[in-house]
Amino acid sequence: MHLSRYIFHRGSGQPINEYRKAWASAVRRAGLDADLIPQDMRRSACRNLVGAGVPRSIAKCFTGHETDAVFERYNITDKEDMKWAAEKLQEFNSVQRKKVVAIGG
């Protein structure tokens, strides 16, 4: 197997300039939703890296995003993220209150 810097490439590593047919074939062979587009995969990678605790600077390099602004467009926040953040805040506040009580505040 030849390594290539391109996602879609020929066995020699040369890029496939018109990727749509190659993408459709790959999606079909993988048994994925035919409406899946490369940006969906990149978006999932961003969210999964951040969710796994990978620092944003490393996640950004991993996904090939050159700017924070573009990375953030792919790292979409949803209701579950907001729920998780609220739970984390509640846990933090609970610990802080216990600390205050413990020191006599």
C-alpha atoms as a PDB file:
ATOM      1  CA  MET A   1       0.000   0.000   0.000  1.00  0.00           C
ATOM      2  CA  HIS A   2       1.314   3.428  -0.914  1.00  0.00           C
ATOM      3  CA  LEU A   3       0.865   6.242   1.603  1.00  0.00           C
ATOM      4  CA  SER A   4      -0.550   9.455   0.250  1.00  0.00           C
ATOM      5  CA  ARG A   5      -1.444  12.834   1.678  1.00  0.00           C
ATOM      6  CA  TYR A   6      -4.725  12.637  -0.240  1.00  0.00           C
ATOM      7  CA  ILE A   7      -7.898  11.026   1.079  1.00  0.00           C
ATOM      8  CA  PHE A   8      -8.886   9.891  -2.402  1.00  0.00           C
ATOM      9  CA  HIS A   9      -5.925   8.621  -4.361  1.00  0.00           C
ATOM     10  CA  ARG A  10      -4.903   5.976  -6.797  1.00  0.00           C
ATOM     11  CA  GLY A  11      -2.717   3.088  -5.638  1.00  0.00           C
ATOM     12  CA  SER A  12       0.327   5.091  -6.690  1.00  0.00           C
ATOM     13  CA  GLY A  13      -0.636   7.918  -4.315  1.00  0.00           C
ATOM     14  CA  GLN A  14      -1.683  10.259  -7.116  1.00  0.00           C
ATOM     15  CA  PRO A  15      -4.839  12.267  -6.281  1.00  0.00           C
ATOM     16  CA  ILE A  16      -8.240  11.507  -7.708  1.00  0.00           C
ATOM     17  CA  ASN A  17      -9.365  14.955  -8.769  1.00  0.00           C
ATOM     18  CA  GLU A  18     -13.041  14.093  -9.200  1.00  0.00           C
ATOM     19  CA  TYR A  19     -13.785  12.247  -5.989  1.00  0.00           C
ATOM     20  CA  ARG A  20     -17.586  11.910  -6.196  1.00  0.00           C
ATOM     21  CA  LYS A  21     -17.604   8.500  -7.901  1.00  0.00           C
ATOM     22  CA  ALA A  22     -14.853   7.182  -5.617  1.00  0.00           C
ATOM     23  CA  TRP A  23     -16.700   8.513  -2.556  1.00  0.00           C
ATOM     24  CA  ALA A  24     -20.029   6.972  -3.614  1.00  0.00           C
ATOM     25  CA  SER A  25     -18.327   3.640  -4.224  1.00  0.00           C
ATOM     26  CA  ALA A  26     -16.525   3.718  -0.866  1.00  0.00           C
ATOM     27  CA  VAL A  27     -19.728   4.631   1.007  1.00  0.00           C
ATOM     28  CA  ARG A  28     -21.625   1.830  -0.727  1.00  0.00           C
ATOM     29  CA  ARG A  29     -18.895  -0.745   0.013  1.00  0.00           C
ATOM     30  CA  ALA A  30     -18.792   0.327   3.665  1.00  0.00           C
ATOM     31  CA  GLY A  31     -22.571  -0.062   3.951  1.00  0.00           C
ATOM     32  CA  LEU A  32     -23.042   3.564   5.043  1.00  0.00           C
ATOM     33  CA  ASP A  33     -25.882   6.006   4.362  1.00  0.00           C
ATOM     34  CA  ALA A  34     -25.709   7.034   0.704  1.00  0.00           C
ATOM     35  CA  ASP A  35     -26.269  10.688   1.730  1.00  0.00           C
ATOM     36  CA  LEU A  36     -23.063  10.733   3.788  1.00  0.00           C
ATOM     37  CA  ILE A  37     -20.582  13.377   2.636  1.00  0.00           C
ATOM     38  CA  PRO A  38     -16.884  13.785   3.556  1.00  0.00           C
ATOM     39  CA  GLN A  39     -17.672  16.794   5.743  1.00  0.00           C
ATOM     40  CA  ASP A  40     -19.909  14.551   7.899  1.00  0.00           C
ATOM     41  CA  MET A  41     -16.910  12.363   8.658  1.00  0.00           C
ATOM     42  CA  ARG A  42     -14.710  15.363   9.394  1.00  0.00           C
ATOM     43  CA  ARG A  43     -17.392  16.791  11.688  1.00  0.00           C
ATOM     44  CA  SER A  44     -17.611  13.471  13.547  1.00  0.00           C
ATOM     45  CA  ALA A  45     -13.834  13.406  13.894  1.00  0.00           C
ATOM     46  CA  CYS A  46     -13.828  16.904  15.420  1.00  0.00           C
ATOM     47  CA  ARG A  47     -16.586  16.091  17.888  1.00  0.00           C
ATOM     48  CA  ASN A  48     -15.083  12.723  18.830  1.00  0.00           C
ATOM     49  CA  LEU A  49     -11.597  14.142  19.353  1.00  0.00           C
ATOM     50  CA  VAL A  50     -12.908  16.962  21.560  1.00  0.00           C
ATOM     51  CA  GLY A  51     -15.200  14.522  23.391  1.00  0.00           C
ATOM     52  CA  ALA A  52     -12.238  12.231  24.033  1.00  0.00           C
ATOM     53  CA  GLY A  53     -10.396  15.098  25.695  1.00  0.00           C
ATOM     54  CA  VAL A  54      -7.828  15.663  22.952  1.00  0.00           C
ATOM     55  CA  PRO A  55      -6.570  19.263  23.187  1.00  0.00           C
ATOM     56  CA  ARG A  56      -8.102  21.453  20.483  1.00  0.00           C
ATOM     57  CA  SER A  57      -4.700  22.396  19.070  1.00  0.00           C
ATOM     58  CA  ILE A  58      -3.934  18.717  18.436  1.00  0.00           C
ATOM     59  CA  ALA A  59      -7.455  17.925  17.200  1.00  0.00           C
ATOM     60  CA  LYS A  60      -7.181  20.844  14.780  1.00  0.00           C
ATOM     61  CA  CYS A  61      -3.919  19.468  13.359  1.00  0.00           C
ATOM     62  CA  PHE A  62      -5.373  15.961  13.191  1.00  0.00           C
ATOM     63  CA  THR A  63      -8.379  17.113  11.145  1.00  0.00           C
ATOM     64  CA  GLY A  64      -6.357  19.498   8.981  1.00  0.00           C
ATOM     65  CA  HIS A  65      -8.126  22.685  10.046  1.00  0.00           C
ATOM     66  CA  GLU A  66      -5.863  25.704   9.707  1.00  0.00           C
ATOM     67  CA  THR A  67      -7.896  28.116  11.834  1.00  0.00           C
ATOM     68  CA  ASP A  68      -9.831  27.903  15.088  1.00  0.00           C
ATOM     69  CA  ALA A  69     -12.858  29.474  13.409  1.00  0.00           C
ATOM     70  CA  VAL A  70     -13.159  26.730  10.794  1.00  0.00           C
ATOM     71  CA  PHE A  71     -12.496  24.012  13.381  1.00  0.00           C
ATOM     72  CA  GLU A  72     -15.333  25.388  15.512  1.00  0.00           C
ATOM     73  CA  ARG A  73     -17.716  25.300  12.528  1.00  0.00           C
ATOM     74  CA  TYR A  74     -17.124  21.544  12.389  1.00  0.00           C
ATOM     75  CA  ASN A  75     -17.206  21.018  16.158  1.00  0.00           C
ATOM     76  CA  ILE A  76     -20.962  21.501  16.510  1.00  0.00           C
ATOM     77  CA  THR A  77     -22.515  21.727  19.971  1.00  0.00           C
ATOM     78  CA  ASP A  78     -25.843  19.955  20.458  1.00  0.00           C
ATOM     79  CA  LYS A  79     -28.385  19.533  23.269  1.00  0.00           C
ATOM     80  CA  GLU A  80     -26.524  16.560  24.722  1.00  0.00           C
ATOM     81  CA  ASP A  81     -23.351  18.658  24.946  1.00  0.00           C
ATOM     82  CA  MET A  82     -25.262  21.371  26.785  1.00  0.00           C
ATOM     83  CA  LYS A  83     -26.807  18.829  29.154  1.00  0.00           C
ATOM     84  CA  TRP A  84     -23.376  17.356  29.882  1.00  0.00           C
ATOM     85  CA  ALA A  85     -21.953  20.846  30.540  1.00  0.00           C
ATOM     86  CA  ALA A  86     -24.813  21.676  32.931  1.00  0.00           C
ATOM     87  CA  GLU A  87     -24.237  18.417  34.834  1.00  0.00           C
ATOM     88  CA  LYS A  88     -20.504  19.108  35.073  1.00  0.00           C
ATOM     89  CA  LEU A  89     -21.207  22.631  36.359  1.00  0.00           C
ATOM     90  CA  GLN A  90     -23.645  21.273  38.925  1.00  0.00           C
ATOM     91  CA  GLU A  91     -21.053  18.721  40.134  1.00  0.00           C
ATOM     92  CA  PHE A  92     -18.392  21.433  40.363  1.00  0.00           C
ATOM     93  CA  ASN A  93     -20.671  23.773  42.311  1.00  0.00           C
ATOM     94  CA  SER A  94     -21.605  20.960  44.696  1.00  0.00           C
ATOM     95  CA  VAL A  95     -17.941  20.271  45.443  1.00  0.00           C
ATOM     96  CA  GLN A  96     -17.265  23.983  45.941  1.00  0.00           C
ATOM     97  CA  ARG A  97     -20.169  24.309  48.424  1.00  0.00           C
ATOM     98  CA  LYS A  98     -18.839  21.317  50.392  1.00  0.00           C
ATOM     99  CA  LYS A  99     -15.411  22.966  50.552  1.00  0.00           C
ATOM    100  CA  VAL A 100     -16.902  26.197  51.886  1.00  0.00           C
ATOM    101  CA  VAL A 101     -18.898  24.304  54.525  1.00  0.00           C
ATOM    102  CA  ALA A 102     -15.830  22.246  55.476  1.00  0.00           C
ATOM    103  CA  ILE A 103     -13.742  25.357  56.193  1.00  0.00           C
ATOM    104  CA  GLY A 104     -16.548  27.004  58.141  1.00  0.00           C
ATOM    105  CA  GLY A 105     -17.962  29.368  55.546  1.00  0.00           C
END
